[in-house]
Amino acid sequence: MTNHHPIAILGGGLGGLTAARVLHVQGIDAPVFEREPSASARTQGGMLDIHEENGQKALEAAGLTEEFRAIVHVGGQAMRLLGPDGTVHVAEDDDGSGGRPEVDRGDLRELLLGSLPDGTVQWGHKVVDVRALGTGRHEVRFADGSAITTDLLIGADGAWSRVRPLLSDAAPVYTGISFAETDLFGADTRHPRSAALVGSGFFLCLGHERGILAHRETDGSLHVYTALKADEGWLDTIDFADHTAAKAAVLSHLEAFSDDLRALVADADTIVPRRIHALPVGHAWDRVPGVTLLGDAAHVMSPFAGEGANLAMFDGAELALAIAAHPGDTEAALAAYEAALFPRSAEIARESADSLESMFGPDGLADTIAFFTGVAAPGQSG
């Protein structure tokens, strides 16, 4: 049986959920089809800094500003920048006056999920085929054998979007940076030296064209990303099921880093791989009736501008507001949305790509010190 929906959103990440919520606030309900079997099927993880100029505006359009403030991680806007020898070059406390409060990604997703009417998110819907039917209508088929048709298909389905090929031949490419993600649980009691090193918020160590990025999580753990320049296949040479061997492989690239910094990998309770991909800067498409993209489906980029989640939420809110502003005229709504989406995402994608080159270049530490302070540290080229 094929069900028809005037609007259908593929993907229940932050962008898709924001679009659904803002549409609901505007009196327009749209189902969200998500491949995960349930809201708790996968831990969301990671801290996000939600920016005044986009993420917070999206939450305001969603009518969730007060609820958002209630889940902010107090102290999370603190920041520390270190060199590979452990020297602290920049340290900023969180005095509550910053415009980028930190929240747990899982808490933010729960907030958005809880703001939607029951049944809005249709779990366990893995997309296997998307095709155009003509006159702006599309059909989506799912792995369970079900299918839907829709007048407006919104691809919020991430970096490897099944909707994107309807609009564009572009595909994400490997950026040259691979992550090894680690967690240190119960940091204050089980890993006190690492807890003291990272501090209460965001932590960054750069040098030798490598980096260690970390956050203090709301559950008291440390979530760490070791970023290495590597061939695309390097992670495949490591058995990440063998934590001891995997950590040794990563640590072999951190020999010039202090023992305390290496401990963020050596003492970790988990370790998983992740390659960093990005779409071409300035990715855009010609207007195709009845379909559009948001978030990573439209402009996946490296995380080094810190904008991915913020842009996804802002995209979702802006698309929903455009739909509400053009009742009965889907094409006018999509044209208005995309006219703003393309330059906005291109600017941030360029910033992200430039930041990657700078942070992991031969003068990455000095360049990043200069970014935060305006003054480079002599002799700290990393």
Foldseek 3Di string as FASTA:
>chain_A
DAAEDQEEEEALALLSLLLQLLLVVLVHHYAYEYQAQDLPRDDPFDKAFAAPVFRLVSCVSSVCNVVVVVQFQPFAVWEWEAEQALDTLDTDTCPPPDGTTMGTSSSSSVSSVVSHPPPRYDYNFAWDAKDDPDPQKIKTAGPVGYIYIYNAYEFAPAQQTRQLVVWDPWHWDFLQKKKKKFKDPQCVPPPVLLPVSCDAHWYWYFAPLWIKIWGQHPRRMIIIITIDRDDPCPVVVFDQVPLQRNLVVSVVVSPSGDPSVSCRSVVTPHIDMDTQIWTDQLQDGDDDHRYDYAASSRTRAGCQLSCRSRRSSRLSNQLSVLCSVDDPCNSSSVVVSRVVSRVVRNVSRVVRSVLSCQCSDQQNSQVVSCVVPVGGDPPRSD
